Structure formats: C-alpha cells, structure tokens
C-alpha atoms as a PDB file:
ATOM      1  CA  MET A   1      73.616  14.526-161.577  1.00  0.00           C
ATOM      2  CA  GLY A   2      75.071  11.015-161.765  1.00  0.00           C
ATOM      3  CA  GLU A   3      77.415   8.896-163.865  1.00  0.00           C
ATOM      4  CA  MET A   4      77.879   5.307-164.969  1.00  0.00           C
ATOM      5  CA  VAL A   5      80.201   3.194-162.816  1.00  0.00           C
ATOM      6  CA  GLN A   6      81.256  -0.452-162.904  1.00  0.00           C
ATOM      7  CA  PHE A   7      81.209  -3.146-160.262  1.00  0.00           C
ATOM      8  CA  VAL A   8      84.029  -5.315-161.547  1.00  0.00           C
ATOM      9  CA  GLN A   9      83.129  -8.500-159.641  1.00  0.00           C
ATOM     10  CA  ARG A  10      80.114  -9.210-161.877  1.00  0.00           C
ATOM     11  CA  ASP A  11      80.987  -7.026-164.875  1.00  0.00           C
ATOM     12  CA  LEU A  12      78.005  -4.956-163.795  1.00  0.00           C
ATOM     13  CA  ASN A  13      77.376  -1.365-164.846  1.00  0.00           C
ATOM     14  CA  ALA A  14      75.314   0.971-162.687  1.00  0.00           C
ATOM     15  CA  TYR A  15      74.077   4.531-162.648  1.00  0.00           C
ATOM     16  CA  GLN A  16      75.366   6.254-159.517  1.00  0.00           C
ATOM     17  CA  ALA A  17      74.275   9.650-158.177  1.00  0.00           C
ATOM     18  CA  GLU A  18      76.162  11.403-155.383  1.00  0.00           C
ATOM     19  CA  PRO A  19      74.600  13.654-152.759  1.00  0.00           C
ATOM     20  CA  ILE A  20      75.962  17.051-151.842  1.00  0.00           C
ATOM     21  CA  GLY A  21      78.035  16.620-148.714  1.00  0.00           C
ATOM     22  CA  GLU A  22      78.349  13.509-146.577  1.00  0.00           C
ATOM     23  CA  PRO A  23      75.686  10.911-147.430  1.00  0.00           C
ATOM     24  CA  LEU A  24      72.916  10.010-145.017  1.00  0.00           C
ATOM     25  CA  GLY A  25      73.327   6.441-146.226  1.00  0.00           C
ATOM     26  CA  ALA A  26      72.972   4.514-149.479  1.00  0.00           C
ATOM     27  CA  VAL A  27      69.919   3.487-151.500  1.00  0.00           C
ATOM     28  CA  ILE A  28      70.068   0.770-154.148  1.00  0.00           C
ATOM     29  CA  VAL A  29      67.389   1.357-156.807  1.00  0.00           C
ATOM     30  CA  ILE A  30      66.292  -1.710-158.791  1.00  0.00           C
ATOM     31  CA  GLN A  31      64.715  -1.189-162.188  1.00  0.00           C
ATOM     32  CA  GLU A  32      61.483  -2.369-163.729  1.00  0.00           C
ATOM     33  CA  ILE A  33      61.632  -4.956-166.509  1.00  0.00           C
ATOM     34  CA  TRP A  34      62.421  -2.142-168.971  1.00  0.00           C
ATOM     35  CA  GLY A  35      65.957  -1.751-167.638  1.00  0.00           C
ATOM     36  CA  LEU A  36      67.910   1.381-166.823  1.00  0.00           C
ATOM     37  CA  VAL A  37      65.439   3.787-168.434  1.00  0.00           C
ATOM     38  CA  GLU A  38      64.903   7.484-167.739  1.00  0.00           C
ATOM     39  CA  HIS A  39      62.397   6.889-164.939  1.00  0.00           C
ATOM     40  CA  ILE A  40      64.892   4.833-162.932  1.00  0.00           C
ATOM     41  CA  VAL A  41      67.663   7.359-163.550  1.00  0.00           C
ATOM     42  CA  ASP A  42      65.322  10.115-162.348  1.00  0.00           C
ATOM     43  CA  VAL A  43      64.366   8.208-159.175  1.00  0.00           C
ATOM     44  CA  THR A  44      68.063   7.607-158.467  1.00  0.00           C
ATOM     45  CA  ASP A  45      68.768  11.323-158.842  1.00  0.00           C
ATOM     46  CA  ARG A  46      65.858  12.100-156.517  1.00  0.00           C
ATOM     47  CA  PHE A  47      67.353   9.959-153.769  1.00  0.00           C
ATOM     48  CA  ALA A  48      70.702  11.714-154.218  1.00  0.00           C
ATOM     49  CA  ALA A  49      68.951  15.076-153.931  1.00  0.00           C
ATOM     50  CA  GLU A  50      67.566  13.865-150.579  1.00  0.00           C
ATOM     51  CA  GLY A  51      71.102  13.233-149.317  1.00  0.00           C
ATOM     52  CA  TYR A  52      71.719   9.581-150.201  1.00  0.00           C
ATOM     53  CA  LEU A  53      74.350   7.879-152.272  1.00  0.00           C
ATOM     54  CA  ALA A  54      72.042   6.267-154.838  1.00  0.00           C
ATOM     55  CA  VAL A  55      72.987   3.397-157.138  1.00  0.00           C
ATOM     56  CA  ALA A  56      70.854   1.799-159.867  1.00  0.00           C
ATOM     57  CA  PRO A  57      72.484  -1.437-161.126  1.00  0.00           C
ATOM     58  CA  ASP A  58      71.830  -2.210-164.785  1.00  0.00           C
ATOM     59  CA  LEU A  59      70.707  -5.793-164.178  1.00  0.00           C
ATOM     60  CA  LEU A  60      68.987  -6.064-167.558  1.00  0.00           C
ATOM     61  CA  GLY A  61      72.227  -5.095-169.258  1.00  0.00           C
ATOM     62  CA  HIS A  62      73.348  -8.636-168.376  1.00  0.00           C
ATOM     63  CA  ILE A  63      70.876  -9.936-170.982  1.00  0.00           C
ATOM     64  CA  ASP A  64      71.826  -7.161-173.441  1.00  0.00           C
ATOM     65  CA  LEU A  65      68.632  -5.166-172.971  1.00  0.00           C
ATOM     66  CA  THR A  66      69.848  -1.624-173.598  1.00  0.00           C
ATOM     67  CA  PRO A  67      68.179   1.413-172.015  1.00  0.00           C
ATOM     68  CA  TYR A  68      67.187   2.517-175.530  1.00  0.00           C
ATOM     69  CA  ASP A  69      65.419  -0.776-176.285  1.00  0.00           C
ATOM     70  CA  GLY A  70      63.869  -0.851-172.828  1.00  0.00           C
ATOM     71  CA  GLN A  71      62.519   2.658-173.196  1.00  0.00           C
ATOM     72  CA  GLU A  72      61.027   1.810-176.570  1.00  0.00           C
ATOM     73  CA  LEU A  73      59.360  -1.304-175.129  1.00  0.00           C
ATOM     74  CA  GLN A  74      57.987   0.664-172.189  1.00  0.00           C
ATOM     75  CA  ASN A  75      56.556   3.310-174.507  1.00  0.00           C
ATOM     76  CA  LEU A  76      54.884   0.678-176.672  1.00  0.00           C
ATOM     77  CA  MET A  77      53.406  -1.190-173.711  1.00  0.00           C
ATOM     78  CA  ALA A  78      52.158   2.070-172.175  1.00  0.00           C
ATOM     79  CA  SER A  79      50.364   3.071-175.378  1.00  0.00           C
ATOM     80  CA  PRO A  80      46.645   3.836-175.040  1.00  0.00           C
ATOM     81  CA  ASP A  81      46.164   1.876-178.274  1.00  0.00           C
ATOM     82  CA  GLU A  82      45.405  -1.782-177.493  1.00  0.00           C
ATOM     83  CA  LYS A  83      46.700  -3.068-180.830  1.00  0.00           C
ATOM     84  CA  THR A  84      50.055  -1.368-180.259  1.00  0.00           C
ATOM     85  CA  ARG A  85      50.338  -3.056-176.880  1.00  0.00           C
ATOM     86  CA  LEU A  86      49.348  -6.463-178.239  1.00  0.00           C
ATOM     87  CA  ASP A  87      51.770  -6.223-181.154  1.00  0.00           C
ATOM     88  CA  ALA A  88      54.628  -5.358-178.774  1.00  0.00           C
ATOM     89  CA  GLN A  89      54.071  -8.305-176.426  1.00  0.00           C
ATOM     90  CA  PRO A  90      55.944 -10.969-178.434  1.00  0.00           C
ATOM     91  CA  ARG A  91      58.974  -8.686-178.691  1.00  0.00           C
ATOM     92  CA  LEU A  92      58.808  -7.948-174.957  1.00  0.00           C
ATOM     93  CA  ARG A  93      58.674 -11.664-174.111  1.00  0.00           C
ATOM     94  CA  ARG A  94      61.533 -12.462-176.497  1.00  0.00           C
ATOM     95  CA  MET A  95      63.836  -9.731-175.173  1.00  0.00           C
ATOM     96  CA  THR A  96      63.163 -10.327-171.479  1.00  0.00           C
ATOM     97  CA  GLU A  97      62.888 -14.137-171.420  1.00  0.00           C
ATOM     98  CA  PRO A  98      66.571 -14.583-170.389  1.00  0.00           C
ATOM     99  CA  ALA A  99      65.823 -12.578-167.223  1.00  0.00           C
ATOM    100  CA  ARG A 100      63.166 -15.097-166.162  1.00  0.00           C
ATOM    101  CA  THR A 101      65.504 -18.061-165.621  1.00  0.00           C
ATOM    102  CA  PRO A 102      66.862 -19.454-162.333  1.00  0.00           C
ATOM    103  CA  GLU A 103      70.378 -18.812-163.601  1.00  0.00           C
ATOM    104  CA  PHE A 104      69.682 -15.117-164.058  1.00  0.00           C
ATOM    105  CA  ALA A 105      68.054 -14.891-160.622  1.00  0.00           C
ATOM    106  CA  GLN A 106      71.085 -16.465-158.981  1.00  0.00           C
ATOM    107  CA  TRP A 107      73.433 -14.092-160.809  1.00  0.00           C
ATOM    108  CA  ALA A 108      71.270 -11.042-160.047  1.00  0.00           C
ATOM    109  CA  VAL A 109      71.050 -11.635-156.300  1.00  0.00           C
ATOM    110  CA  GLN A 110      74.802 -12.051-156.031  1.00  0.00           C
ATOM    111  CA  ALA A 111      75.340  -8.981-158.223  1.00  0.00           C
ATOM    112  CA  LEU A 112      73.117  -6.959-155.894  1.00  0.00           C
ATOM    113  CA  ARG A 113      75.059  -8.228-152.889  1.00  0.00           C
ATOM    114  CA  ASP A 114      78.233  -7.051-154.620  1.00  0.00           C
ATOM    115  CA  VAL A 115      76.662  -3.601-154.917  1.00  0.00           C
ATOM    116  CA  VAL A 116      75.954  -3.681-151.180  1.00  0.00           C
ATOM    117  CA  ASP A 117      79.639  -4.519-150.647  1.00  0.00           C
ATOM    118  CA  GLY A 118      80.620  -1.565-152.807  1.00  0.00           C
ATOM    119  CA  VAL A 119      78.438   1.037-151.127  1.00  0.00           C
ATOM    120  CA  LEU A 120      79.318  -0.162-147.625  1.00  0.00           C
ATOM    121  CA  ASP A 121      82.961   0.587-148.419  1.00  0.00           C
ATOM    122  CA  ARG A 122      82.140   4.228-149.083  1.00  0.00           C
ATOM    123  CA  PRO A 123      82.979   6.852-146.423  1.00  0.00           C
ATOM    124  CA  GLY A 124      79.998   8.042-144.386  1.00  0.00           C
ATOM    125  CA  ILE A 125      77.698   5.099-145.148  1.00  0.00           C
ATOM    126  CA  MET A 126      78.331   3.443-141.771  1.00  0.00           C
ATOM    127  CA  GLY A 127      76.219   0.384-142.530  1.00  0.00           C
ATOM    128  CA  ARG A 128      73.159   2.355-143.648  1.00  0.00           C
ATOM    129  CA  VAL A 129      71.950   0.669-146.858  1.00  0.00           C
ATOM    130  CA  ALA A 130      68.385   0.367-148.161  1.00  0.00           C
ATOM    131  CA  VAL A 131      66.923  -1.147-151.307  1.00  0.00           C
ATOM    132  CA  VAL A 132      63.983   0.204-153.327  1.00  0.00           C
ATOM    133  CA  GLY A 133      62.651  -1.682-156.347  1.00  0.00           C
ATOM    134  CA  PHE A 134      59.795  -1.455-158.841  1.00  0.00           C
ATOM    135  CA  CYS A 135      57.845  -4.398-160.344  1.00  0.00           C
ATOM    136  CA  PHE A 136      60.665  -6.718-161.528  1.00  0.00           C
ATOM    137  CA  GLY A 137      62.844  -4.654-159.214  1.00  0.00           C
ATOM    138  CA  GLY A 138      60.293  -4.949-156.433  1.00  0.00           C
ATOM    139  CA  THR A 139      60.650  -8.726-156.577  1.00  0.00           C
ATOM    140  CA  TYR A 140      64.426  -8.372-156.469  1.00  0.00           C
ATOM    141  CA  ALA A 141      64.133  -5.979-153.534  1.00  0.00           C
ATOM    142  CA  TRP A 142      62.417  -8.863-151.745  1.00  0.00           C
ATOM    143  CA  SER A 143      65.120 -11.277-152.929  1.00  0.00           C
ATOM    144  CA  LEU A 144      67.902  -9.032-151.666  1.00  0.00           C
ATOM    145  CA  ALA A 145      66.181  -8.644-148.290  1.00  0.00           C
ATOM    146  CA  LEU A 146      65.973 -12.437-148.070  1.00  0.00           C
ATOM    147  CA  ASN A 147      69.665 -12.885-148.877  1.00  0.00           C
ATOM    148  CA  GLU A 148      71.404  -9.821-147.456  1.00  0.00           C
ATOM    149  CA  PRO A 149      71.317  -9.438-143.643  1.00  0.00           C
ATOM    150  CA  ARG A 150      73.206  -6.136-143.816  1.00  0.00           C
ATOM    151  CA  LEU A 151      70.239  -4.245-145.295  1.00  0.00           C
ATOM    152  CA  ARG A 152      68.618  -1.699-142.992  1.00  0.00           C
ATOM    153  CA  ALA A 153      65.404  -1.277-145.025  1.00  0.00           C
ATOM    154  CA  ALA A 154      63.605  -2.701-148.063  1.00  0.00           C
ATOM    155  CA  VAL A 155      60.896  -0.951-150.093  1.00  0.00           C
ATOM    156  CA  PRO A 156      59.375  -3.123-152.845  1.00  0.00           C
ATOM    157  CA  PHE A 157      56.846  -1.407-155.112  1.00  0.00           C
ATOM    158  CA  TYR A 158      54.304  -3.874-156.591  1.00  0.00           C
ATOM    159  CA  GLY A 159      56.781  -6.745-156.429  1.00  0.00           C
ATOM    160  CA  ARG A 160      56.021 -10.437-156.011  1.00  0.00           C
ATOM    161  CA  PHE A 161      57.348 -12.185-152.946  1.00  0.00           C
ATOM    162  CA  PRO A 162      59.598 -14.968-154.308  1.00  0.00           C
ATOM    163  CA  GLU A 163      57.804 -18.296-154.520  1.00  0.00           C
ATOM    164  CA  GLY A 164      58.908 -20.767-151.867  1.00  0.00           C
ATOM    165  CA  ALA A 165      60.985 -18.223-149.938  1.00  0.00           C
ATOM    166  CA  ASP A 166      61.037 -18.234-146.129  1.00  0.00           C
ATOM    167  CA  PRO A 167      60.130 -14.802-144.709  1.00  0.00           C
ATOM    168  CA  SER A 168      62.049 -15.539-141.510  1.00  0.00           C
ATOM    169  CA  ALA A 169      65.286 -14.923-143.457  1.00  0.00           C
ATOM    170  CA  ILE A 170      64.482 -11.193-143.615  1.00  0.00           C
ATOM    171  CA  ARG A 171      66.376  -9.117-141.057  1.00  0.00           C
ATOM    172  CA  CYS A 172      65.263  -5.594-141.955  1.00  0.00           C
ATOM    173  CA  PRO A 173      61.927  -3.742-141.853  1.00  0.00           C
ATOM    174  CA  VAL A 174      59.938  -3.820-145.096  1.00  0.00           C
ATOM    175  CA  LEU A 175      57.526  -1.226-146.487  1.00  0.00           C
ATOM    176  CA  ALA A 176      55.673  -2.560-149.549  1.00  0.00           C
ATOM    177  CA  PHE A 177      53.461  -0.567-151.914  1.00  0.00           C
ATOM    178  CA  TYR A 178      50.608  -1.928-154.010  1.00  0.00           C
ATOM    179  CA  GLY A 179      47.857  -0.718-156.320  1.00  0.00           C
ATOM    180  CA  GLU A 180      44.414  -2.023-155.370  1.00  0.00           C
ATOM    181  CA  GLN A 181      43.539  -2.739-159.020  1.00  0.00           C
ATOM    182  CA  ASP A 182      46.727  -4.791-159.544  1.00  0.00           C
ATOM    183  CA  HIS A 183      44.804  -7.894-158.481  1.00  0.00           C
ATOM    184  CA  ASP A 184      47.311 -10.473-159.683  1.00  0.00           C
ATOM    185  CA  ILE A 185      49.742  -9.256-157.006  1.00  0.00           C
ATOM    186  CA  THR A 186      47.661  -7.293-154.514  1.00  0.00           C
ATOM    187  CA  ASP A 187      45.080 -10.001-153.853  1.00  0.00           C
ATOM    188  CA  GLY A 188      47.834 -11.977-152.126  1.00  0.00           C
ATOM    189  CA  VAL A 189      48.754  -9.185-149.702  1.00  0.00           C
ATOM    190  CA  PRO A 190      46.546 -10.343-146.770  1.00  0.00           C
ATOM    191  CA  GLN A 191      48.124 -13.809-146.837  1.00  0.00           C
ATOM    192  CA  LEU A 192      51.592 -12.293-147.206  1.00  0.00           C
ATOM    193  CA  THR A 193      50.934 -10.019-144.244  1.00  0.00           C
ATOM    194  CA  ASP A 194      50.008 -13.042-142.130  1.00  0.00           C
ATOM    195  CA  ARG A 195      53.184 -14.849-143.197  1.00  0.00           C
ATOM    196  CA  MET A 196      55.327 -11.852-142.313  1.00  0.00           C
ATOM    197  CA  ALA A 197      53.685 -11.543-138.900  1.00  0.00           C
ATOM    198  CA  ALA A 198      54.210 -15.254-138.191  1.00  0.00           C
ATOM    199  CA  ALA A 199      57.892 -14.886-139.141  1.00  0.00           C
ATOM    200  CA  GLY A 200      58.335 -11.830-136.929  1.00  0.00           C
ATOM    201  CA  VAL A 201      59.164  -9.489-139.832  1.00  0.00           C
ATOM    202  CA  ASP A 202      58.512  -5.757-139.369  1.00  0.00           C
ATOM    203  CA  PHE A 203      56.251  -5.469-142.410  1.00  0.00           C
ATOM    204  CA  THR A 204      53.923  -2.708-143.584  1.00  0.00           C
ATOM    205  CA  ALA A 205      51.761  -3.016-146.714  1.00  0.00           C
ATOM    206  CA  GLN A 206      50.358   0.189-148.180  1.00  0.00           C
ATOM    207  CA  VAL A 207      47.599  -0.429-150.737  1.00  0.00           C
ATOM    208  CA  TYR A 208      46.299   2.530-152.762  1.00  0.00           C
ATOM    209  CA  ASP A 209      42.657   2.378-153.807  1.00  0.00           C
ATOM    210  CA  GLY A 210      41.720   3.029-157.416  1.00  0.00           C
ATOM    211  CA  VAL A 211      45.187   2.575-158.926  1.00  0.00           C
ATOM    212  CA  GLY A 212      46.923  -0.328-160.615  1.00  0.00           C
ATOM    213  CA  HIS A 213      50.367  -1.602-161.411  1.00  0.00           C
ATOM    214  CA  ALA A 214      53.242   0.867-161.954  1.00  0.00           C
ATOM    215  CA  PHE A 215      51.356   3.777-160.398  1.00  0.00           C
ATOM    216  CA  PHE A 216      54.684   5.363-159.380  1.00  0.00           C
ATOM    217  CA  ASN A 217      56.076   5.575-162.922  1.00  0.00           C
ATOM    218  CA  ASP A 218      55.485   9.143-164.066  1.00  0.00           C
ATOM    219  CA  THR A 219      56.707   8.342-167.593  1.00  0.00           C
ATOM    220  CA  ALA A 220      53.788   5.927-168.126  1.00  0.00           C
ATOM    221  CA  ALA A 221      50.824   8.268-168.418  1.00  0.00           C
ATOM    222  CA  THR A 222      48.200   5.516-168.583  1.00  0.00           C
ATOM    223  CA  ARG A 223      49.306   4.053-165.227  1.00  0.00           C
ATOM    224  CA  TYR A 224      50.744   6.937-163.227  1.00  0.00           C
ATOM    225  CA  SER A 225      48.839   8.267-160.214  1.00  0.00           C
ATOM    226  CA  GLU A 226      50.248  11.549-158.947  1.00  0.00           C
ATOM    227  CA  THR A 227      48.358  11.302-155.658  1.00  0.00           C
ATOM    228  CA  ALA A 228      49.508   7.773-154.853  1.00  0.00           C
ATOM    229  CA  ALA A 229      53.059   8.366-156.114  1.00  0.00           C
ATOM    230  CA  THR A 230      53.485  11.538-154.063  1.00  0.00           C
ATOM    231  CA  ASP A 231      52.288   9.819-150.910  1.00  0.00           C
ATOM    232  CA  ALA A 232      54.450   6.733-151.551  1.00  0.00           C
ATOM    233  CA  TRP A 233      57.554   8.892-152.061  1.00  0.00           C
ATOM    234  CA  LYS A 234      56.916  10.719-148.787  1.00  0.00           C
ATOM    235  CA  ARG A 235      56.391   7.445-146.933  1.00  0.00           C
ATOM    236  CA  THR A 236      59.500   5.921-148.504  1.00  0.00           C
ATOM    237  CA  LEU A 237      61.732   8.781-147.393  1.00  0.00           C
ATOM    238  CA  GLU A 238      60.289   8.743-143.868  1.00  0.00           C
ATOM    239  CA  PHE A 239      60.705   4.966-143.653  1.00  0.00           C
ATOM    240  CA  ILE A 240      64.332   4.997-144.801  1.00  0.00           C
ATOM    241  CA  ARG A 241      65.238   7.857-142.459  1.00  0.00           C
ATOM    242  CA  ALA A 242      63.651   6.048-139.520  1.00  0.00           C
ATOM    243  CA  SER A 243      65.350   2.775-140.458  1.00  0.00           C
ATOM    244  CA  PHE A 244      68.698   4.552-140.655  1.00  0.00           C
ATOM    245  CA  GLY A 245      68.073   6.317-137.331  1.00  0.00           C
ATOM    246  CA  ARG A 246      68.387   9.740-138.947  1.00  0.00           C
END
C-alpha cells in the first residue's frame, strides 16, 4: 500500500501509506527497537486503511540498523528457546547501543518534529496529527508529545516516560497502553497518573491483565495477545477520531 519517502532535513527515510480519498488526518507511527520491520509497516498500512496519512520514520536507520537485521533480531529474541534468546542479547545490545545515547535522542526528537512539519504541509491534514509508538517508539511518542505542541493526540504503547521530563509541557491528550505483567514499566503507572493529573494533562492509562510487554505485536507469537491487541486498536482509533474532532 505504501512507499519509502525521504525527509531531506535530517536525511531520514520513512515508510508512508496513503489513504483512499482525502485524509482524516495524519498518524506518525514510531517503531520498536527492531526498526522498520514488517509489523510496523503493517500497522502503518492499517492506519491508512482507516483513512489516515500514515508515516513510519526509520529512526533506527540512522544507526544503520536495517529492517532485515532488525527482523532477524526480533525473531531471535521472540524465540521460545531460552538459549537462543540469551545468545542473541549481546548482538542486540551491540547493534542498538548507538540509539541509547543523548545525542541520538536529540537527533530523533528533531527528526520527528521534521516529520510533523512534512505531514502538516499536506492537503487535507488541517493540523490533525497524532503519534503512536511501541516500546522504544512508545518512549519517543512521549518525547514528541513533550516537545511538539502541534500534536493533537499521543498513543504510547508500553513506553517509558522520559526521566526528568516535565509533564506540564504536554499539550495534547494521551492514551497509554500497558501490559500488567510488564512490571518494569507498568508498576510506575499509578505514580505517572498522579503526575499527569497534577500537571493538568488529559491522560488515560489502559492496563491489560495477564499480558506483558509487546502484547500488540502479532509477529511475536510468544508475546502477542489477540484480545488485548484488538481492544487497544479499537480504543486507539476512537481516541484519535475524538481528538481530531471527526
């Protein structure tokens, strides 16, 4: 459905899927740590099928993590065999370490803002831009919401709120999804909810019982939950439509 495009300002490639007819708005889809793999391409196509201009920036391409390598890493780390997962961890750390630096974070946030610039210039968007991100991308969905006042909605899936960030900088409603068994992230949700309320942010946290991290990723059989993913997709679409006033 889509094609690769380039945002020249940051030498950034992205997968872009067009809706049929005039778009209802734009959705920026931010990848997991695996990069621009088939799952992210599929989610981007799904948003286009719902009537949105959908763009998935290849942020991990900036550190030379190709979709092929990312897909291989994801497959290894999703293996039911513990030894396979353990053996793959050093390679995963080595290939993704450059994406864990302050310099990368600074570049990535500005690159995402450039994508917002690009989609806002498109006919029919009329200021309606949302961001949806997963894991690594969930954290960057938070980061974009903190740094981009033009966003109308943010939907981080199992993303960490950036350490030291001030929630009062957020100007759009936020719907965040979590797996109850993903304790490293989800255990902090009550405190995060209190911080959002104190800052006056329109924040909703949806925690799904009995599921863990990456429950939305239907290419990771050991983590995927069809029930939770189906409900989260429905809620995401309803939330974006309401935020766009459509």
